[in-house]
Amino acid sequence: MSLFKSNKKENNNRHFTVCGIVEIDGKILLVRHTYGVAKDRILLPGGYVKTGEIPLISAEREILEETGITCRAKDLYCMQFKADQWCAVFTMEYISGTPKSDGYENSEVLLLTIDEALERNDLTNMSREILKAYKENKTGLKKSNYIAKACDETNYAIFGV
């Protein structure tokens, strides 16, 4: 069964975003963005949370769409908050796939060590701060195996318990 349920409301919500830290053979998956304030810069892959979608599923979907990589959210690593938006950052378990650009939202997919990424001038500030912290401490709030009785893994998750 696919974890990416079809939803009649397929619109994206610019106020709720996700990204993921994916390690493949000791290197971090990054993308070169093609639009907006991050245009031509590299950052952790991610995107908008669709209406009716929980953030960890959004992260898995967005990374697959943008890079061809199948991964599963492990931990909630950190959260970014602004007055009118938030971004959830997950550590991801690499499952399969060969990194490739989607040719639309990103023009390039890179695999870099954390140190290589941190040395670059084209890394976004948010990705830089996340990777600096990740280099020091790779643990976040662990995802529980518990799923509420009326739910399934596509619409319920609890972290830190």
N, C-alpha and C. Protein backbone atom coordinates (compact mmCIF):
# COMPACT_ATOMS: atom_id res chain seq x y z
N MET A 1 0.84 -1.19 0.00
CA MET A 1 0.00 0.00 0.00
C MET A 1 0.88 1.24 0.00
N SER A 2 0.57 2.18 -0.85
CA SER A 2 1.32 3.43 -0.90
C SER A 2 0.94 4.30 0.28
N LEU A 3 1.93 4.97 0.84
CA LEU A 3 1.65 5.90 1.93
C LEU A 3 1.12 7.22 1.41
N PHE A 4 1.14 7.43 0.11
CA PHE A 4 0.73 8.70 -0.46
C PHE A 4 -0.71 8.59 -0.95
N LYS A 5 -1.63 8.77 -0.02
CA LYS A 5 -3.05 8.68 -0.33
C LYS A 5 -3.46 9.82 -1.25
N SER A 6 -4.35 9.53 -2.15
CA SER A 6 -4.93 10.58 -2.96
C SER A 6 -5.85 11.41 -2.07
N ASN A 7 -5.86 12.68 -2.30
CA ASN A 7 -6.69 13.57 -1.51
C ASN A 7 -7.40 14.51 -2.48
N LYS A 8 -8.71 14.66 -2.32
CA LYS A 8 -9.46 15.51 -3.24
C LYS A 8 -8.94 16.95 -3.20
N LYS A 9 -8.48 17.39 -2.06
CA LYS A 9 -7.93 18.74 -1.94
C LYS A 9 -6.42 18.65 -2.12
N GLU A 10 -5.96 18.79 -3.36
CA GLU A 10 -4.55 18.63 -3.66
C GLU A 10 -3.77 19.93 -3.56
N ASN A 11 -4.39 21.00 -3.10
CA ASN A 11 -3.70 22.28 -3.05
C ASN A 11 -2.58 22.26 -2.01
N ASN A 12 -1.58 23.06 -2.27
CA ASN A 12 -0.46 23.18 -1.35
C ASN A 12 -0.70 24.34 -0.39
N ASN A 13 -0.12 24.24 0.77
CA ASN A 13 -0.26 25.28 1.77
C ASN A 13 1.11 25.89 2.01
N ARG A 14 1.33 27.08 1.52
CA ARG A 14 2.63 27.75 1.63
C ARG A 14 3.06 28.01 3.07
N HIS A 15 2.14 27.93 3.99
CA HIS A 15 2.46 28.26 5.38
C HIS A 15 3.00 27.07 6.17
N PHE A 16 2.81 25.88 5.65
CA PHE A 16 3.27 24.68 6.33
C PHE A 16 4.21 23.92 5.41
N THR A 17 5.48 23.85 5.78
CA THR A 17 6.48 23.23 4.93
C THR A 17 7.27 22.18 5.70
N VAL A 18 7.98 21.35 4.95
CA VAL A 18 8.79 20.28 5.52
C VAL A 18 10.08 20.17 4.73
N CYS A 19 11.09 19.60 5.35
CA CYS A 19 12.29 19.20 4.63
C CYS A 19 12.91 18.03 5.38
N GLY A 20 13.86 17.36 4.72
CA GLY A 20 14.42 16.17 5.33
C GLY A 20 15.92 16.09 5.19
N ILE A 21 16.54 15.54 6.22
CA ILE A 21 17.97 15.24 6.20
C ILE A 21 18.09 13.78 5.82
N VAL A 22 18.58 13.54 4.59
CA VAL A 22 18.74 12.19 4.09
C VAL A 22 20.23 11.93 3.95
N GLU A 23 20.73 10.91 4.66
CA GLU A 23 22.13 10.50 4.53
C GLU A 23 22.20 9.26 3.64
N ILE A 24 23.07 9.34 2.64
CA ILE A 24 23.32 8.21 1.75
C ILE A 24 24.83 8.00 1.72
N ASP A 25 25.29 6.88 2.25
CA ASP A 25 26.72 6.57 2.30
C ASP A 25 27.54 7.71 2.91
N GLY A 26 27.04 8.26 4.02
CA GLY A 26 27.77 9.30 4.75
C GLY A 26 27.68 10.69 4.14
N LYS A 27 26.86 10.84 3.12
CA LYS A 27 26.69 12.15 2.48
C LYS A 27 25.25 12.61 2.61
N ILE A 28 25.06 13.93 2.59
CA ILE A 28 23.75 14.53 2.76
C ILE A 28 23.17 14.87 1.39
N LEU A 29 21.90 14.55 1.20
CA LEU A 29 21.18 14.86 -0.03
C LEU A 29 20.75 16.33 -0.02
N LEU A 30 21.14 17.06 -1.05
CA LEU A 30 20.79 18.47 -1.19
C LEU A 30 20.30 18.72 -2.61
N VAL A 31 19.55 19.79 -2.81
CA VAL A 31 19.06 20.16 -4.13
C VAL A 31 19.38 21.63 -4.40
N ARG A 32 19.55 21.96 -5.70
CA ARG A 32 19.73 23.36 -6.11
C ARG A 32 18.38 23.88 -6.56
N HIS A 33 17.86 24.85 -5.83
CA HIS A 33 16.51 25.38 -6.03
C HIS A 33 16.44 26.23 -7.30
N THR A 34 15.29 26.26 -7.95
CA THR A 34 15.15 27.00 -9.20
C THR A 34 14.25 28.24 -9.11
N TYR A 35 13.70 28.55 -7.93
CA TYR A 35 12.77 29.69 -7.85
C TYR A 35 12.79 30.31 -6.47
N GLY A 36 12.16 31.45 -6.33
CA GLY A 36 11.98 32.11 -5.04
C GLY A 36 13.27 32.65 -4.44
N VAL A 37 13.23 32.91 -3.14
CA VAL A 37 14.38 33.51 -2.46
C VAL A 37 15.59 32.58 -2.43
N ALA A 38 15.37 31.28 -2.61
CA ALA A 38 16.48 30.32 -2.60
C ALA A 38 16.95 29.97 -4.02
N LYS A 39 16.50 30.69 -5.02
CA LYS A 39 16.87 30.39 -6.40
C LYS A 39 18.39 30.30 -6.55
N ASP A 40 18.85 29.24 -7.19
CA ASP A 40 20.27 28.97 -7.47
C ASP A 40 21.09 28.60 -6.23
N ARG A 41 20.44 28.44 -5.10
CA ARG A 41 21.14 28.03 -3.88
C ARG A 41 20.82 26.58 -3.57
N ILE A 42 21.66 25.94 -2.76
CA ILE A 42 21.41 24.55 -2.39
C ILE A 42 20.79 24.50 -0.99
N LEU A 43 19.94 23.50 -0.80
CA LEU A 43 19.22 23.35 0.45
C LEU A 43 18.77 21.92 0.61
N LEU A 44 18.28 21.61 1.80
CA LEU A 44 17.69 20.30 2.06
C LEU A 44 16.41 20.17 1.26
N PRO A 45 16.14 19.00 0.67
CA PRO A 45 14.93 18.84 -0.13
C PRO A 45 13.68 18.84 0.74
N GLY A 46 12.60 19.36 0.17
CA GLY A 46 11.34 19.41 0.89
C GLY A 46 10.33 20.23 0.12
N GLY A 47 9.27 20.64 0.82
CA GLY A 47 8.25 21.45 0.15
C GLY A 47 7.03 21.63 1.01
N TYR A 48 5.92 21.90 0.36
CA TYR A 48 4.67 22.22 1.04
C TYR A 48 3.93 20.98 1.52
N VAL A 49 3.21 21.16 2.60
CA VAL A 49 2.32 20.13 3.12
C VAL A 49 0.97 20.30 2.42
N LYS A 50 0.50 19.24 1.77
CA LYS A 50 -0.81 19.31 1.12
C LYS A 50 -1.91 19.30 2.17
N THR A 51 -3.03 19.90 1.85
CA THR A 51 -4.19 19.89 2.72
C THR A 51 -4.58 18.44 3.03
N GLY A 52 -4.74 18.12 4.30
CA GLY A 52 -5.14 16.78 4.71
C GLY A 52 -3.98 15.81 4.85
N GLU A 53 -2.75 16.26 4.67
CA GLU A 53 -1.57 15.40 4.72
C GLU A 53 -0.78 15.72 5.99
N ILE A 54 -0.29 14.69 6.68
CA ILE A 54 0.54 14.96 7.85
C ILE A 54 1.97 15.23 7.40
N PRO A 55 2.70 16.06 8.15
CA PRO A 55 4.02 16.51 7.71
C PRO A 55 5.02 15.42 7.35
N LEU A 56 5.08 14.32 8.11
CA LEU A 56 6.09 13.30 7.77
C LEU A 56 5.80 12.66 6.42
N ILE A 57 4.55 12.50 6.06
CA ILE A 57 4.19 11.97 4.75
C ILE A 57 4.55 13.00 3.67
N SER A 58 4.34 14.28 3.97
CA SER A 58 4.73 15.33 3.03
C SER A 58 6.22 15.29 2.75
N ALA A 59 7.03 15.11 3.79
CA ALA A 59 8.48 15.06 3.60
C ALA A 59 8.87 13.88 2.72
N GLU A 60 8.30 12.72 2.98
CA GLU A 60 8.59 11.53 2.17
C GLU A 60 8.19 11.76 0.72
N ARG A 61 7.01 12.32 0.50
CA ARG A 61 6.50 12.57 -0.85
C ARG A 61 7.36 13.60 -1.58
N GLU A 62 7.64 14.72 -0.91
CA GLU A 62 8.40 15.79 -1.54
C GLU A 62 9.81 15.33 -1.93
N ILE A 63 10.46 14.59 -1.07
CA ILE A 63 11.82 14.12 -1.39
C ILE A 63 11.78 13.15 -2.56
N LEU A 64 10.79 12.27 -2.61
CA LEU A 64 10.65 11.37 -3.75
C LEU A 64 10.40 12.16 -5.03
N GLU A 65 9.47 13.11 -4.99
CA GLU A 65 9.15 13.90 -6.18
C GLU A 65 10.35 14.70 -6.68
N GLU A 66 11.10 15.28 -5.76
CA GLU A 66 12.19 16.18 -6.14
C GLU A 66 13.49 15.47 -6.50
N THR A 67 13.71 14.26 -5.94
CA THR A 67 15.03 13.64 -6.09
C THR A 67 15.01 12.19 -6.56
N GLY A 68 13.84 11.56 -6.61
CA GLY A 68 13.76 10.15 -6.97
C GLY A 68 14.17 9.21 -5.84
N ILE A 69 14.39 9.75 -4.66
CA ILE A 69 14.82 8.96 -3.50
C ILE A 69 13.60 8.57 -2.66
N THR A 70 13.49 7.29 -2.37
CA THR A 70 12.46 6.81 -1.44
C THR A 70 13.08 6.77 -0.06
N CYS A 71 12.42 7.40 0.88
CA CYS A 71 12.91 7.42 2.26
C CYS A 71 11.72 7.47 3.21
N ARG A 72 11.99 7.22 4.47
CA ARG A 72 10.95 7.21 5.49
C ARG A 72 11.39 8.11 6.64
N ALA A 73 10.47 8.90 7.15
CA ALA A 73 10.77 9.80 8.26
C ALA A 73 11.08 8.98 9.51
N LYS A 74 12.20 9.29 10.17
CA LYS A 74 12.59 8.61 11.41
C LYS A 74 12.30 9.47 12.62
N ASP A 75 12.88 10.65 12.64
CA ASP A 75 12.78 11.55 13.79
C ASP A 75 12.34 12.93 13.34
N LEU A 76 11.68 13.65 14.22
CA LEU A 76 11.45 15.07 14.02
C LEU A 76 12.70 15.75 14.55
N TYR A 77 13.52 16.27 13.66
CA TYR A 77 14.82 16.81 14.08
C TYR A 77 14.68 18.20 14.69
N CYS A 78 13.97 19.10 14.02
CA CYS A 78 13.78 20.44 14.54
C CYS A 78 12.59 21.09 13.85
N MET A 79 12.20 22.24 14.37
CA MET A 79 11.10 23.01 13.81
C MET A 79 11.57 24.46 13.65
N GLN A 80 11.14 25.08 12.57
CA GLN A 80 11.35 26.50 12.38
C GLN A 80 9.97 27.16 12.47
N PHE A 81 9.88 28.23 13.24
CA PHE A 81 8.62 28.95 13.35
C PHE A 81 8.79 30.40 12.95
N LYS A 82 7.83 30.91 12.20
CA LYS A 82 7.66 32.34 11.93
C LYS A 82 6.24 32.66 12.37
N ALA A 83 5.91 33.93 12.43
CA ALA A 83 4.58 34.32 12.89
C ALA A 83 3.47 33.70 12.04
N ASP A 84 3.73 33.51 10.76
CA ASP A 84 2.67 33.04 9.87
C ASP A 84 2.99 31.70 9.19
N GLN A 85 4.03 31.00 9.64
CA GLN A 85 4.35 29.73 9.02
C GLN A 85 5.26 28.89 9.91
N TRP A 86 5.38 27.61 9.55
CA TRP A 86 6.35 26.73 10.21
C TRP A 86 6.95 25.77 9.20
N CYS A 87 8.11 25.22 9.57
CA CYS A 87 8.76 24.19 8.76
C CYS A 87 9.24 23.08 9.70
N ALA A 88 8.80 21.86 9.43
CA ALA A 88 9.23 20.70 10.20
C ALA A 88 10.38 20.03 9.45
N VAL A 89 11.47 19.75 10.18
CA VAL A 89 12.64 19.12 9.59
C VAL A 89 12.76 17.72 10.18
N PHE A 90 12.79 16.73 9.31
CA PHE A 90 12.86 15.33 9.72
C PHE A 90 14.21 14.73 9.35
N THR A 91 14.70 13.79 10.17
CA THR A 91 15.78 12.92 9.71
C THR A 91 15.08 11.77 9.01
N MET A 92 15.65 11.36 7.90
CA MET A 92 15.01 10.39 7.03
C MET A 92 15.87 9.14 6.90
N GLU A 93 15.22 8.00 6.82
CA GLU A 93 15.92 6.74 6.55
C GLU A 93 15.90 6.52 5.04
N TYR A 94 17.07 6.44 4.44
CA TYR A 94 17.18 6.17 3.00
C TYR A 94 16.71 4.74 2.74
N ILE A 95 15.80 4.57 1.78
CA ILE A 95 15.28 3.25 1.42
C ILE A 95 15.88 2.82 0.08
N SER A 96 15.71 3.64 -0.96
CA SER A 96 16.19 3.25 -2.29
C SER A 96 16.18 4.44 -3.23
N GLY A 97 16.77 4.22 -4.39
CA GLY A 97 16.75 5.22 -5.45
C GLY A 97 18.11 5.82 -5.71
N THR A 98 18.25 6.34 -6.92
CA THR A 98 19.44 7.06 -7.33
C THR A 98 19.08 8.53 -7.44
N PRO A 99 19.81 9.40 -6.74
CA PRO A 99 19.47 10.83 -6.77
C PRO A 99 19.48 11.41 -8.18
N LYS A 100 18.39 12.11 -8.52
CA LYS A 100 18.32 12.81 -9.79
C LYS A 100 17.41 14.02 -9.65
N SER A 101 17.70 15.06 -10.38
CA SER A 101 16.91 16.28 -10.36
C SER A 101 15.54 16.05 -10.97
N ASP A 102 14.55 16.76 -10.44
CA ASP A 102 13.23 16.70 -11.06
C ASP A 102 13.17 17.62 -12.28
N GLY A 103 14.19 18.46 -12.49
CA GLY A 103 14.24 19.35 -13.64
C GLY A 103 13.24 20.47 -13.60
N TYR A 104 12.57 20.63 -12.48
CA TYR A 104 11.54 21.66 -12.35
C TYR A 104 11.79 22.53 -11.12
N GLU A 105 11.60 21.95 -9.94
CA GLU A 105 11.83 22.70 -8.70
C GLU A 105 13.31 22.81 -8.36
N ASN A 106 14.10 21.87 -8.89
CA ASN A 106 15.54 21.92 -8.68
C ASN A 106 16.25 21.61 -9.99
N SER A 107 17.44 22.18 -10.13
CA SER A 107 18.21 21.96 -11.34
C SER A 107 19.34 20.96 -11.13
N GLU A 108 19.55 20.58 -9.88
CA GLU A 108 20.67 19.69 -9.55
C GLU A 108 20.41 19.02 -8.21
N VAL A 109 20.83 17.77 -8.11
CA VAL A 109 20.81 17.06 -6.83
C VAL A 109 22.25 16.75 -6.49
N LEU A 110 22.63 17.04 -5.25
CA LEU A 110 24.01 16.85 -4.80
C LEU A 110 24.05 15.90 -3.62
N LEU A 111 25.12 15.15 -3.49
CA LEU A 111 25.43 14.37 -2.30
C LEU A 111 26.76 14.90 -1.79
N LEU A 112 26.74 15.55 -0.63
CA LEU A 112 27.93 16.16 -0.05
C LEU A 112 28.08 15.73 1.40
N THR A 113 29.32 15.64 1.86
CA THR A 113 29.52 15.46 3.30
C THR A 113 29.03 16.73 3.98
N ILE A 114 28.78 16.65 5.27
CA ILE A 114 28.34 17.85 5.99
C ILE A 114 29.40 18.94 5.88
N ASP A 115 30.67 18.58 6.03
CA ASP A 115 31.73 19.58 5.95
C ASP A 115 31.79 20.22 4.56
N GLU A 116 31.64 19.41 3.51
CA GLU A 116 31.63 19.97 2.15
C GLU A 116 30.47 20.95 1.99
N ALA A 117 29.30 20.59 2.49
CA ALA A 117 28.14 21.47 2.38
C ALA A 117 28.37 22.77 3.15
N LEU A 118 28.90 22.66 4.36
CA LEU A 118 29.10 23.84 5.20
C LEU A 118 30.14 24.80 4.63
N GLU A 119 31.05 24.31 3.81
CA GLU A 119 32.07 25.16 3.19
C GLU A 119 31.53 25.97 2.01
N ARG A 120 30.39 25.61 1.50
CA ARG A 120 29.86 26.24 0.30
C ARG A 120 29.20 27.58 0.60
N ASN A 121 29.37 28.52 -0.32
CA ASN A 121 28.74 29.83 -0.21
C ASN A 121 27.29 29.82 -0.70
N ASP A 122 26.92 28.78 -1.45
CA ASP A 122 25.58 28.73 -2.02
C ASP A 122 24.59 27.90 -1.19
N LEU A 123 24.98 27.49 0.01
CA LEU A 123 24.08 26.78 0.92
C LEU A 123 23.18 27.80 1.61
N THR A 124 21.87 27.55 1.67
CA THR A 124 20.97 28.50 2.34
C THR A 124 21.31 28.58 3.83
N ASN A 125 20.98 29.71 4.42
CA ASN A 125 21.29 29.92 5.83
C ASN A 125 20.57 28.92 6.73
N MET A 126 19.30 28.63 6.44
CA MET A 126 18.56 27.68 7.26
C MET A 126 19.20 26.29 7.17
N SER A 127 19.51 25.84 5.95
CA SER A 127 20.15 24.53 5.80
C SER A 127 21.51 24.51 6.50
N ARG A 128 22.24 25.61 6.46
CA ARG A 128 23.54 25.69 7.14
C ARG A 128 23.37 25.49 8.65
N GLU A 129 22.40 26.17 9.24
CA GLU A 129 22.18 26.05 10.69
C GLU A 129 21.75 24.64 11.07
N ILE A 130 20.88 24.05 10.26
CA ILE A 130 20.43 22.69 10.54
C ILE A 130 21.60 21.72 10.45
N LEU A 131 22.40 21.83 9.41
CA LEU A 131 23.52 20.89 9.23
C LEU A 131 24.61 21.09 10.27
N LYS A 132 24.84 22.33 10.71
CA LYS A 132 25.81 22.55 11.80
C LYS A 132 25.34 21.84 13.06
N ALA A 133 24.08 21.96 13.39
CA ALA A 133 23.54 21.28 14.57
C ALA A 133 23.56 19.77 14.39
N TYR A 134 23.21 19.29 13.21
CA TYR A 134 23.17 17.86 12.92
C TYR A 134 24.56 17.24 13.03
N LYS A 135 25.57 17.98 12.64
CA LYS A 135 26.95 17.50 12.75
C LYS A 135 27.31 17.22 14.20
N GLU A 136 26.80 18.03 15.11
CA GLU A 136 27.09 17.89 16.54
C GLU A 136 26.19 16.87 17.23
N ASN A 137 24.95 16.77 16.79
CA ASN A 137 23.99 15.89 17.47
C ASN A 137 22.95 15.41 16.46
N LYS A 138 23.02 14.15 16.11
CA LYS A 138 22.15 13.61 15.06
C LYS A 138 20.82 13.08 15.57
N THR A 139 20.50 13.31 16.82
CA THR A 139 19.25 12.78 17.34
C THR A 139 18.17 13.86 17.43
N GLY A 140 16.96 13.47 17.18
CA GLY A 140 15.81 14.35 17.31
C GLY A 140 14.77 13.65 18.15
N LEU A 141 13.55 14.10 18.08
CA LEU A 141 12.45 13.45 18.78
C LEU A 141 12.10 12.17 18.01
N LYS A 142 12.23 11.04 18.66
CA LYS A 142 12.01 9.75 18.02
C LYS A 142 10.54 9.56 17.67
N LYS A 143 10.30 8.94 16.52
CA LYS A 143 8.94 8.61 16.10
C LYS A 143 8.49 7.36 16.85
N SER A 144 7.33 7.44 17.46
CA SER A 144 6.75 6.31 18.17
C SER A 144 6.09 5.35 17.18
N ASN A 145 6.03 4.08 17.53
CA ASN A 145 5.30 3.10 16.73
C ASN A 145 3.80 3.14 17.02
N TYR A 146 3.41 3.88 18.03
CA TYR A 146 2.00 3.97 18.40
C TYR A 146 1.20 4.67 17.31
N ILE A 147 0.04 4.10 16.96
CA ILE A 147 -0.90 4.73 16.04
C ILE A 147 -2.28 4.66 16.69
N ALA A 148 -2.95 5.80 16.78
CA ALA A 148 -4.28 5.85 17.37
C ALA A 148 -5.22 4.89 16.65
N LYS A 149 -6.15 4.29 17.39
CA LYS A 149 -7.04 3.25 16.86
C LYS A 149 -7.82 3.68 15.62
N ALA A 150 -8.26 4.92 15.57
CA ALA A 150 -9.07 5.37 14.44
C ALA A 150 -8.22 5.87 13.27
N CYS A 151 -6.91 5.66 13.33
CA CYS A 151 -6.00 6.21 12.32
C CYS A 151 -5.11 5.14 11.72
N ASP A 152 -4.28 5.55 10.77
CA ASP A 152 -3.23 4.70 10.24
C ASP A 152 -1.98 5.55 10.05
N GLU A 153 -0.92 4.95 9.50
CA GLU A 153 0.35 5.68 9.42
C GLU A 153 0.33 6.83 8.42
N THR A 154 -0.72 6.94 7.61
CA THR A 154 -0.80 8.06 6.67
C THR A 154 -1.44 9.30 7.30
N ASN A 155 -2.10 9.14 8.47
CA ASN A 155 -2.75 10.30 9.06
C ASN A 155 -2.55 10.44 10.57
N TYR A 156 -1.51 9.77 11.09
CA TYR A 156 -1.21 9.90 12.51
C TYR A 156 0.25 9.62 12.77
N ALA A 157 0.86 10.45 13.60
CA ALA A 157 2.23 10.20 14.08
C ALA A 157 2.43 10.97 15.37
N ILE A 158 3.20 10.38 16.26
CA ILE A 158 3.57 11.06 17.50
C ILE A 158 5.08 10.88 17.69
N PHE A 159 5.72 11.95 18.08
CA PHE A 159 7.18 11.95 18.26
C PHE A 159 7.51 12.31 19.70
N GLY A 160 8.57 11.73 20.20
CA GLY A 160 9.09 12.10 21.51
C GLY A 160 8.52 11.34 22.68
N VAL A 161 7.67 10.36 22.42
CA VAL A 161 7.10 9.56 23.53
C VAL A 161 7.38 8.09 23.31
